[in-house]
Amino acid sequence: MSGGVSDEDFRDFVLGSGRALHRTAYLLTGDWALAEDMVQNALAKAYLSWDRVRVLEQPEAYVRRLMINQRISWWRRRRVAEVPLQEQSDSASGGALVPEERDELRGALLQLGVRQRQAVVLRYYCDLSERDVADALGCSVGNVKSLTSRGVARLRVLLCQDDRSEEPHA
C-alpha cells in the first residue's frame, strides 16, 4: 500500500479489533504464543488485500475466517494434542468468570474436538449467529447447530465432573 488512507484504515481496524481477534485466537488454539502468531498471520493476509477487505460489511469476520482456516491447516499438519506447559495469562479471556473458572473452562474447551471448539467459541464467545458461524466454518447451519449442541453438552459433562470430584463424600 502506498501509505495513504488504506494504511490508516488498517491501523484503526487493528487497534479496534486486535484484542478481540487475539482472544478468539487464544480460545481456538489454547496457546498464547500460537494465538499471537495466528492473529499476526491473519492480519498480514488481510493487509495484503485491505482495499478489498475494508469495504466488506464485517472485515473482522473475514479475519476470523482467515484464522479458522489457518487453525485447520495447522491441525492437519500437526495432528498432535496440544497441552499447555504453564499457566497462561488471564487477560486472554473475557467475561465475568473468576480466574479459576476461566482456567477450568479453557481446559474443558481444549478437550473438545477442533470443529466443536471452533463452533462453540464463535457462537457463544464471539456471539455470532448460527448463519455467521456456518459461513466462517464453511458448513451448513444444521452442522453448526449439531456442533454447538454436542460441544456444549460435552462441556457440561466435563465441567460437572470437576464439580462432583470436589464435593466431599458422605
N, C-alpha and C. Protein backbone atom coordinates (compact mmCIF):
# COMPACT_ATOMS: atom_id res chain seq x y z
N MET A 1 0.84 -1.18 0.00
CA MET A 1 0.00 0.00 0.00
C MET A 1 0.87 1.23 0.00
N SER A 2 0.32 2.30 -0.38
CA SER A 2 1.12 3.50 -0.59
C SER A 2 1.20 4.41 0.61
N GLY A 3 0.77 3.97 1.79
CA GLY A 3 0.86 4.82 2.97
C GLY A 3 -0.29 5.80 3.07
N GLY A 4 -1.33 5.62 2.29
CA GLY A 4 -2.47 6.54 2.27
C GLY A 4 -3.54 6.13 3.24
N VAL A 5 -4.77 6.40 2.84
CA VAL A 5 -5.92 6.14 3.68
C VAL A 5 -6.02 4.67 4.07
N SER A 6 -5.65 3.76 3.17
CA SER A 6 -5.77 2.33 3.46
C SER A 6 -4.91 1.93 4.65
N ASP A 7 -3.69 2.45 4.73
CA ASP A 7 -2.83 2.13 5.88
C ASP A 7 -3.44 2.64 7.17
N GLU A 8 -3.97 3.84 7.14
CA GLU A 8 -4.59 4.40 8.34
C GLU A 8 -5.84 3.61 8.71
N ASP A 9 -6.65 3.27 7.72
CA ASP A 9 -7.84 2.44 7.97
C ASP A 9 -7.44 1.10 8.58
N PHE A 10 -6.39 0.50 8.05
CA PHE A 10 -5.96 -0.80 8.55
C PHE A 10 -5.47 -0.66 10.00
N ARG A 11 -4.69 0.37 10.27
CA ARG A 11 -4.20 0.60 11.63
C ARG A 11 -5.38 0.76 12.59
N ASP A 12 -6.39 1.53 12.19
CA ASP A 12 -7.57 1.73 13.02
C ASP A 12 -8.31 0.41 13.24
N PHE A 13 -8.38 -0.40 12.19
CA PHE A 13 -9.03 -1.71 12.31
C PHE A 13 -8.29 -2.58 13.33
N VAL A 14 -6.97 -2.63 13.23
CA VAL A 14 -6.17 -3.46 14.14
C VAL A 14 -6.32 -2.95 15.57
N LEU A 15 -6.28 -1.64 15.76
CA LEU A 15 -6.44 -1.09 17.10
C LEU A 15 -7.82 -1.38 17.67
N GLY A 16 -8.84 -1.37 16.82
CA GLY A 16 -10.20 -1.61 17.28
C GLY A 16 -10.56 -3.07 17.44
N SER A 17 -9.95 -3.94 16.66
CA SER A 17 -10.35 -5.36 16.65
C SER A 17 -9.27 -6.31 17.14
N GLY A 18 -8.06 -5.83 17.30
CA GLY A 18 -6.93 -6.70 17.62
C GLY A 18 -7.12 -7.53 18.87
N ARG A 19 -7.59 -6.91 19.95
CA ARG A 19 -7.75 -7.65 21.22
C ARG A 19 -8.81 -8.74 21.09
N ALA A 20 -9.92 -8.41 20.46
CA ALA A 20 -10.99 -9.40 20.29
C ALA A 20 -10.51 -10.55 19.41
N LEU A 21 -9.78 -10.23 18.36
CA LEU A 21 -9.24 -11.28 17.48
C LEU A 21 -8.26 -12.16 18.25
N HIS A 22 -7.45 -11.55 19.10
CA HIS A 22 -6.48 -12.32 19.87
C HIS A 22 -7.17 -13.23 20.88
N ARG A 23 -8.21 -12.74 21.53
CA ARG A 23 -8.95 -13.59 22.47
C ARG A 23 -9.57 -14.78 21.73
N THR A 24 -10.14 -14.51 20.57
CA THR A 24 -10.73 -15.58 19.77
C THR A 24 -9.66 -16.59 19.38
N ALA A 25 -8.51 -16.10 18.92
CA ALA A 25 -7.42 -16.99 18.51
C ALA A 25 -6.94 -17.83 19.70
N TYR A 26 -6.88 -17.23 20.87
CA TYR A 26 -6.46 -17.98 22.05
C TYR A 26 -7.44 -19.10 22.37
N LEU A 27 -8.73 -18.80 22.27
CA LEU A 27 -9.72 -19.82 22.55
C LEU A 27 -9.70 -20.92 21.49
N LEU A 28 -9.33 -20.58 20.27
CA LEU A 28 -9.24 -21.59 19.21
C LEU A 28 -8.00 -22.47 19.37
N THR A 29 -6.91 -21.91 19.90
CA THR A 29 -5.65 -22.66 19.97
C THR A 29 -5.32 -23.16 21.36
N GLY A 30 -5.73 -22.41 22.38
CA GLY A 30 -5.38 -22.76 23.75
C GLY A 30 -3.94 -22.43 24.09
N ASP A 31 -3.28 -21.68 23.24
CA ASP A 31 -1.87 -21.35 23.43
C ASP A 31 -1.66 -19.88 23.09
N TRP A 32 -1.14 -19.13 24.06
CA TRP A 32 -0.97 -17.69 23.92
C TRP A 32 -0.06 -17.35 22.73
N ALA A 33 1.06 -18.02 22.61
CA ALA A 33 2.02 -17.72 21.52
C ALA A 33 1.43 -18.10 20.16
N LEU A 34 0.78 -19.25 20.08
CA LEU A 34 0.14 -19.63 18.82
C LEU A 34 -0.96 -18.65 18.44
N ALA A 35 -1.68 -18.16 19.43
CA ALA A 35 -2.73 -17.19 19.17
C ALA A 35 -2.14 -15.90 18.59
N GLU A 36 -1.02 -15.46 19.15
CA GLU A 36 -0.35 -14.27 18.61
C GLU A 36 0.09 -14.50 17.17
N ASP A 37 0.67 -15.66 16.91
CA ASP A 37 1.09 -15.99 15.54
C ASP A 37 -0.12 -16.02 14.60
N MET A 38 -1.19 -16.62 15.08
CA MET A 38 -2.38 -16.74 14.24
C MET A 38 -2.93 -15.37 13.87
N VAL A 39 -3.02 -14.48 14.84
CA VAL A 39 -3.55 -13.14 14.58
C VAL A 39 -2.61 -12.38 13.64
N GLN A 40 -1.32 -12.45 13.89
CA GLN A 40 -0.36 -11.75 13.03
C GLN A 40 -0.44 -12.25 11.59
N ASN A 41 -0.50 -13.56 11.41
CA ASN A 41 -0.58 -14.11 10.06
C ASN A 41 -1.88 -13.70 9.37
N ALA A 42 -2.98 -13.76 10.10
CA ALA A 42 -4.28 -13.38 9.52
C ALA A 42 -4.30 -11.89 9.16
N LEU A 43 -3.75 -11.06 10.05
CA LEU A 43 -3.72 -9.63 9.76
C LEU A 43 -2.79 -9.32 8.59
N ALA A 44 -1.69 -10.05 8.49
CA ALA A 44 -0.79 -9.84 7.35
C ALA A 44 -1.49 -10.18 6.04
N LYS A 45 -2.25 -11.27 6.02
CA LYS A 45 -3.00 -11.62 4.81
C LYS A 45 -4.08 -10.59 4.51
N ALA A 46 -4.76 -10.14 5.55
CA ALA A 46 -5.80 -9.13 5.35
C ALA A 46 -5.20 -7.82 4.83
N TYR A 47 -4.03 -7.47 5.34
CA TYR A 47 -3.37 -6.23 4.92
C TYR A 47 -3.05 -6.25 3.42
N LEU A 48 -2.63 -7.41 2.94
CA LEU A 48 -2.27 -7.52 1.53
C LEU A 48 -3.45 -7.23 0.61
N SER A 49 -4.65 -7.49 1.09
CA SER A 49 -5.83 -7.22 0.26
C SER A 49 -6.79 -6.27 0.98
N TRP A 50 -6.23 -5.37 1.78
CA TRP A 50 -7.04 -4.48 2.61
C TRP A 50 -8.00 -3.62 1.78
N ASP A 51 -7.62 -3.20 0.59
CA ASP A 51 -8.51 -2.38 -0.23
C ASP A 51 -9.82 -3.11 -0.50
N ARG A 52 -9.78 -4.43 -0.63
CA ARG A 52 -11.00 -5.22 -0.84
C ARG A 52 -11.66 -5.57 0.48
N VAL A 53 -10.87 -5.86 1.51
CA VAL A 53 -11.41 -6.31 2.79
C VAL A 53 -12.12 -5.17 3.52
N ARG A 54 -11.58 -3.97 3.48
CA ARG A 54 -12.13 -2.85 4.27
C ARG A 54 -13.53 -2.45 3.83
N VAL A 55 -13.91 -2.77 2.60
CA VAL A 55 -15.25 -2.41 2.14
C VAL A 55 -16.29 -3.47 2.49
N LEU A 56 -15.85 -4.59 3.04
CA LEU A 56 -16.78 -5.62 3.46
C LEU A 56 -17.62 -5.11 4.63
N GLU A 57 -18.81 -5.67 4.76
CA GLU A 57 -19.69 -5.26 5.85
C GLU A 57 -19.06 -5.58 7.21
N GLN A 58 -18.37 -6.73 7.30
CA GLN A 58 -17.75 -7.14 8.56
C GLN A 58 -16.32 -7.61 8.30
N PRO A 59 -15.37 -6.69 8.22
CA PRO A 59 -13.99 -7.12 7.97
C PRO A 59 -13.43 -8.00 9.09
N GLU A 60 -13.93 -7.84 10.31
CA GLU A 60 -13.46 -8.69 11.42
C GLU A 60 -13.85 -10.15 11.17
N ALA A 61 -15.01 -10.37 10.60
CA ALA A 61 -15.45 -11.74 10.28
C ALA A 61 -14.52 -12.35 9.23
N TYR A 62 -14.08 -11.54 8.28
CA TYR A 62 -13.15 -12.02 7.25
C TYR A 62 -11.83 -12.46 7.90
N VAL A 63 -11.32 -11.66 8.83
CA VAL A 63 -10.06 -12.00 9.50
C VAL A 63 -10.25 -13.23 10.39
N ARG A 64 -11.40 -13.34 11.06
CA ARG A 64 -11.67 -14.55 11.85
C ARG A 64 -11.67 -15.79 10.97
N ARG A 65 -12.24 -15.67 9.77
CA ARG A 65 -12.25 -16.80 8.84
C ARG A 65 -10.82 -17.18 8.45
N LEU A 66 -9.97 -16.18 8.22
CA LEU A 66 -8.56 -16.46 7.93
C LEU A 66 -7.92 -17.23 9.09
N MET A 67 -8.25 -16.84 10.32
CA MET A 67 -7.68 -17.52 11.49
C MET A 67 -8.19 -18.96 11.57
N ILE A 68 -9.46 -19.17 11.31
CA ILE A 68 -10.01 -20.52 11.36
C ILE A 68 -9.35 -21.40 10.30
N ASN A 69 -9.21 -20.86 9.09
CA ASN A 69 -8.54 -21.62 8.03
C ASN A 69 -7.11 -21.98 8.43
N GLN A 70 -6.43 -21.02 9.04
CA GLN A 70 -5.06 -21.27 9.48
C GLN A 70 -5.03 -22.34 10.56
N ARG A 71 -5.96 -22.29 11.51
CA ARG A 71 -6.01 -23.29 12.59
C ARG A 71 -6.25 -24.68 12.01
N ILE A 72 -7.14 -24.77 11.04
CA ILE A 72 -7.40 -26.06 10.40
C ILE A 72 -6.14 -26.56 9.71
N SER A 73 -5.46 -25.67 9.04
CA SER A 73 -4.22 -26.04 8.35
C SER A 73 -3.16 -26.52 9.35
N TRP A 74 -3.01 -25.81 10.46
CA TRP A 74 -2.05 -26.22 11.49
C TRP A 74 -2.43 -27.58 12.04
N TRP A 75 -3.72 -27.77 12.30
CA TRP A 75 -4.18 -29.03 12.87
C TRP A 75 -3.89 -30.18 11.92
N ARG A 76 -4.12 -29.98 10.66
CA ARG A 76 -3.87 -31.04 9.68
C ARG A 76 -2.38 -31.39 9.62
N ARG A 77 -1.54 -30.39 9.76
CA ARG A 77 -0.09 -30.65 9.71
C ARG A 77 0.41 -31.30 10.98
N ARG A 78 -0.08 -30.88 12.13
CA ARG A 78 0.48 -31.35 13.40
C ARG A 78 -0.18 -32.62 13.90
N ARG A 79 -1.48 -32.64 13.95
CA ARG A 79 -2.26 -33.77 14.47
C ARG A 79 -1.71 -34.28 15.81
N VAL A 80 -1.28 -33.35 16.63
CA VAL A 80 -0.76 -33.68 17.95
C VAL A 80 -1.58 -32.90 18.96
N ALA A 81 -1.96 -33.57 20.03
CA ALA A 81 -2.71 -32.87 21.08
C ALA A 81 -1.83 -31.79 21.70
N GLU A 82 -2.41 -30.61 21.85
CA GLU A 82 -1.68 -29.51 22.46
C GLU A 82 -1.96 -29.49 23.95
N VAL A 83 -0.90 -29.44 24.74
CA VAL A 83 -1.04 -29.40 26.18
C VAL A 83 -0.26 -28.19 26.69
N PRO A 84 -0.94 -27.23 27.33
CA PRO A 84 -0.22 -26.08 27.85
C PRO A 84 0.77 -26.53 28.92
N LEU A 85 1.99 -26.02 28.86
CA LEU A 85 3.02 -26.41 29.80
C LEU A 85 3.07 -25.52 31.03
N GLN A 86 2.48 -24.33 30.92
CA GLN A 86 2.47 -23.44 32.05
C GLN A 86 1.17 -22.64 32.05
N GLU A 87 0.90 -21.99 33.14
CA GLU A 87 -0.30 -21.17 33.24
C GLU A 87 -0.24 -20.04 32.23
N GLN A 88 -1.37 -19.73 31.63
CA GLN A 88 -1.46 -18.66 30.66
C GLN A 88 -2.02 -17.41 31.33
N SER A 89 -1.80 -16.28 30.72
CA SER A 89 -2.30 -15.02 31.22
C SER A 89 -3.82 -15.00 31.16
N ASP A 90 -4.45 -14.48 32.20
CA ASP A 90 -5.91 -14.39 32.22
C ASP A 90 -6.42 -13.29 31.32
N SER A 91 -5.56 -12.39 30.85
CA SER A 91 -6.02 -11.29 30.02
C SER A 91 -6.50 -11.78 28.66
N ALA A 92 -6.21 -13.03 28.30
CA ALA A 92 -6.66 -13.56 27.01
C ALA A 92 -8.14 -13.92 27.04
N SER A 93 -8.70 -14.02 28.20
CA SER A 93 -10.09 -14.45 28.31
C SER A 93 -10.94 -13.29 28.78
N GLY A 94 -12.11 -13.20 28.24
CA GLY A 94 -13.02 -12.15 28.67
C GLY A 94 -14.06 -12.72 29.60
N GLY A 95 -15.07 -11.95 29.89
CA GLY A 95 -16.17 -12.42 30.68
C GLY A 95 -16.00 -12.13 32.15
N ALA A 96 -17.01 -12.52 32.94
CA ALA A 96 -17.03 -12.20 34.35
C ALA A 96 -16.64 -13.38 35.22
N LEU A 97 -16.03 -14.40 34.64
CA LEU A 97 -15.63 -15.56 35.42
C LEU A 97 -14.39 -15.24 36.25
N VAL A 98 -14.31 -15.85 37.42
CA VAL A 98 -13.10 -15.71 38.22
C VAL A 98 -12.00 -16.52 37.55
N PRO A 99 -10.73 -16.23 37.86
CA PRO A 99 -9.62 -16.92 37.17
C PRO A 99 -9.70 -18.44 37.21
N GLU A 100 -10.11 -19.01 38.33
CA GLU A 100 -10.20 -20.47 38.42
C GLU A 100 -11.24 -21.02 37.46
N GLU A 101 -12.38 -20.32 37.35
CA GLU A 101 -13.43 -20.76 36.44
C GLU A 101 -12.98 -20.62 34.98
N ARG A 102 -12.26 -19.53 34.66
CA ARG A 102 -11.75 -19.35 33.30
C ARG A 102 -10.77 -20.46 32.95
N ASP A 103 -9.90 -20.79 33.89
CA ASP A 103 -8.93 -21.87 33.63
C ASP A 103 -9.65 -23.20 33.41
N GLU A 104 -10.67 -23.44 34.22
CA GLU A 104 -11.44 -24.68 34.10
C GLU A 104 -12.17 -24.73 32.75
N LEU A 105 -12.75 -23.60 32.35
CA LEU A 105 -13.45 -23.55 31.07
C LEU A 105 -12.47 -23.71 29.91
N ARG A 106 -11.32 -23.05 29.98
CA ARG A 106 -10.30 -23.22 28.93
C ARG A 106 -9.88 -24.68 28.81
N GLY A 107 -9.64 -25.31 29.95
CA GLY A 107 -9.24 -26.71 29.93
C GLY A 107 -10.31 -27.60 29.30
N ALA A 108 -11.56 -27.31 29.63
CA ALA A 108 -12.66 -28.09 29.05
C ALA A 108 -12.77 -27.82 27.55
N LEU A 109 -12.62 -26.56 27.14
CA LEU A 109 -12.66 -26.23 25.70
C LEU A 109 -11.59 -26.99 24.94
N LEU A 110 -10.41 -27.12 25.54
CA LEU A 110 -9.31 -27.80 24.86
C LEU A 110 -9.56 -29.30 24.72
N GLN A 111 -10.51 -29.83 25.48
CA GLN A 111 -10.84 -31.24 25.36
C GLN A 111 -11.87 -31.52 24.26
N LEU A 112 -12.46 -30.45 23.73
CA LEU A 112 -13.39 -30.61 22.61
C LEU A 112 -12.61 -30.84 21.33
N GLY A 113 -13.26 -31.43 20.35
CA GLY A 113 -12.66 -31.55 19.03
C GLY A 113 -12.49 -30.16 18.42
N VAL A 114 -11.62 -30.05 17.44
CA VAL A 114 -11.31 -28.76 16.83
C VAL A 114 -12.58 -28.08 16.30
N ARG A 115 -13.39 -28.79 15.53
CA ARG A 115 -14.58 -28.19 14.93
C ARG A 115 -15.61 -27.80 16.00
N GLN A 116 -15.78 -28.64 17.02
CA GLN A 116 -16.71 -28.29 18.09
C GLN A 116 -16.23 -27.05 18.81
N ARG A 117 -14.93 -27.00 19.11
CA ARG A 117 -14.38 -25.84 19.82
C ARG A 117 -14.57 -24.58 18.98
N GLN A 118 -14.30 -24.67 17.68
CA GLN A 118 -14.47 -23.51 16.81
C GLN A 118 -15.92 -23.03 16.82
N ALA A 119 -16.84 -23.97 16.68
CA ALA A 119 -18.26 -23.61 16.64
C ALA A 119 -18.70 -22.98 17.97
N VAL A 120 -18.32 -23.58 19.08
CA VAL A 120 -18.72 -23.06 20.39
C VAL A 120 -18.12 -21.67 20.63
N VAL A 121 -16.84 -21.50 20.33
CA VAL A 121 -16.18 -20.21 20.54
C VAL A 121 -16.82 -19.13 19.67
N LEU A 122 -17.02 -19.42 18.40
CA LEU A 122 -17.60 -18.42 17.50
C LEU A 122 -19.05 -18.11 17.86
N ARG A 123 -19.80 -19.13 18.23
CA ARG A 123 -21.22 -18.93 18.51
C ARG A 123 -21.44 -18.22 19.84
N TYR A 124 -20.77 -18.67 20.89
CA TYR A 124 -21.08 -18.16 22.22
C TYR A 124 -20.08 -17.15 22.75
N TYR A 125 -18.82 -17.27 22.42
CA TYR A 125 -17.85 -16.28 22.89
C TYR A 125 -17.86 -15.06 21.99
N CYS A 126 -17.84 -15.28 20.67
CA CYS A 126 -17.86 -14.16 19.72
C CYS A 126 -19.28 -13.68 19.45
N ASP A 127 -20.28 -14.42 19.94
CA ASP A 127 -21.69 -14.06 19.81
C ASP A 127 -22.12 -13.91 18.35
N LEU A 128 -21.64 -14.81 17.50
CA LEU A 128 -22.05 -14.81 16.10
C LEU A 128 -23.35 -15.60 15.94
N SER A 129 -24.11 -15.25 14.94
CA SER A 129 -25.32 -16.02 14.64
C SER A 129 -24.92 -17.38 14.08
N GLU A 130 -25.86 -18.30 14.08
CA GLU A 130 -25.58 -19.62 13.51
C GLU A 130 -25.19 -19.50 12.04
N ARG A 131 -25.83 -18.60 11.30
CA ARG A 131 -25.51 -18.38 9.89
C ARG A 131 -24.07 -17.87 9.74
N ASP A 132 -23.67 -16.92 10.60
CA ASP A 132 -22.31 -16.38 10.52
C ASP A 132 -21.27 -17.44 10.87
N VAL A 133 -21.58 -18.27 11.85
CA VAL A 133 -20.66 -19.36 12.21
C VAL A 133 -20.54 -20.34 11.04
N ALA A 134 -21.69 -20.66 10.44
CA ALA A 134 -21.68 -21.57 9.29
C ALA A 134 -20.84 -21.01 8.16
N ASP A 135 -20.99 -19.72 7.89
CA ASP A 135 -20.18 -19.08 6.85
C ASP A 135 -18.70 -19.13 7.21
N ALA A 136 -18.38 -18.85 8.47
CA ALA A 136 -16.98 -18.84 8.90
C ALA A 136 -16.35 -20.23 8.82
N LEU A 137 -17.13 -21.25 9.14
CA LEU A 137 -16.60 -22.62 9.14
C LEU A 137 -16.78 -23.32 7.80
N GLY A 138 -17.53 -22.70 6.91
CA GLY A 138 -17.75 -23.31 5.60
C GLY A 138 -18.62 -24.56 5.67
N CYS A 139 -19.67 -24.50 6.49
CA CYS A 139 -20.57 -25.65 6.64
C CYS A 139 -22.00 -25.15 6.70
N SER A 140 -22.94 -26.05 6.89
CA SER A 140 -24.36 -25.69 6.95
C SER A 140 -24.73 -25.22 8.36
N VAL A 141 -25.86 -24.51 8.44
CA VAL A 141 -26.38 -24.07 9.73
C VAL A 141 -26.72 -25.29 10.59
N GLY A 142 -27.25 -26.33 9.97
CA GLY A 142 -27.55 -27.56 10.70
C GLY A 142 -26.31 -28.17 11.33
N ASN A 143 -25.21 -28.13 10.60
CA ASN A 143 -23.95 -28.64 11.13
C ASN A 143 -23.50 -27.80 12.32
N VAL A 144 -23.67 -26.48 12.23
CA VAL A 144 -23.31 -25.59 13.35
C VAL A 144 -24.16 -25.94 14.57
N LYS A 145 -25.46 -26.14 14.36
CA LYS A 145 -26.35 -26.49 15.47
C LYS A 145 -25.90 -27.78 16.13
N SER A 146 -25.54 -28.76 15.32
CA SER A 146 -25.08 -30.04 15.84
C SER A 146 -23.76 -29.89 16.59
N LEU A 147 -22.81 -29.17 15.98
CA LEU A 147 -21.50 -28.98 16.62
C LEU A 147 -21.63 -28.24 17.95
N THR A 148 -22.43 -27.16 17.97
CA THR A 148 -22.55 -26.40 19.22
C THR A 148 -23.33 -27.17 20.27
N SER A 149 -24.37 -27.87 19.85
CA SER A 149 -25.15 -28.65 20.81
C SER A 149 -24.29 -29.73 21.46
N ARG A 150 -23.57 -30.47 20.65
CA ARG A 150 -22.71 -31.52 21.19
C ARG A 150 -21.55 -30.94 21.99
N GLY A 151 -21.01 -29.81 21.52
CA GLY A 151 -19.91 -29.18 22.24
C GLY A 151 -20.33 -28.69 23.61
N VAL A 152 -21.48 -28.02 23.68
CA VAL A 152 -21.98 -27.52 24.96
C VAL A 152 -22.33 -28.69 25.89
N ALA A 153 -22.92 -29.73 25.34
CA ALA A 153 -23.23 -30.91 26.17
C ALA A 153 -21.95 -31.52 26.73
N ARG A 154 -20.92 -31.62 25.91
CA ARG A 154 -19.63 -32.16 26.36
C ARG A 154 -19.02 -31.26 27.43
N LEU A 155 -19.10 -29.94 27.24
CA LEU A 155 -18.58 -29.00 28.24
C LEU A 155 -19.31 -29.19 29.57
N ARG A 156 -20.61 -29.36 29.52
CA ARG A 156 -21.38 -29.57 30.76
C ARG A 156 -20.89 -30.81 31.48
N VAL A 157 -20.67 -31.89 30.73
CA VAL A 157 -20.19 -33.13 31.34
C VAL A 157 -18.81 -32.90 31.95
N LEU A 158 -17.92 -32.28 31.18
CA LEU A 158 -16.56 -32.06 31.68
C LEU A 158 -16.54 -31.16 32.90
N LEU A 159 -17.33 -30.10 32.88
CA LEU A 159 -17.33 -29.15 33.99
C LEU A 159 -18.05 -29.71 35.21
N CYS A 160 -19.07 -30.52 34.99
CA CYS A 160 -19.80 -31.13 36.12
C CYS A 160 -18.97 -32.22 36.78
N GLN A 161 -18.14 -32.93 36.00
CA GLN A 161 -17.27 -33.96 36.58
C GLN A 161 -16.33 -33.33 37.59
N ASP A 162 -15.79 -32.16 37.23
CA ASP A 162 -14.87 -31.48 38.15
C ASP A 162 -15.60 -31.05 39.42
N ASP A 163 -16.84 -30.57 39.28
CA ASP A 163 -17.62 -30.15 40.46
C ASP A 163 -17.90 -31.33 41.37
N ARG A 164 -18.27 -32.48 40.80
CA ARG A 164 -18.58 -33.68 41.60
C ARG A 164 -17.35 -34.21 42.29
N SER A 165 -16.20 -34.12 41.63
CA SER A 165 -14.99 -34.68 42.22
C SER A 165 -14.50 -33.84 43.41
N GLU A 166 -14.97 -32.56 43.51
CA GLU A 166 -14.54 -31.70 44.61
C GLU A 166 -15.47 -31.80 45.80
N GLU A 167 -16.68 -32.39 45.61
CA GLU A 167 -17.62 -32.50 46.72
C GLU A 167 -17.14 -33.56 47.72
N PRO A 168 -17.30 -33.27 49.00
CA PRO A 168 -16.93 -34.29 50.00
C PRO A 168 -17.89 -35.45 49.94
N HIS A 169 -17.37 -36.63 50.15
CA HIS A 169 -18.20 -37.84 50.15
C HIS A 169 -18.78 -38.05 51.53
N ALA A 170 -20.07 -38.40 51.58
CA ALA A 170 -20.73 -38.59 52.87
C ALA A 170 -20.54 -39.98 53.38
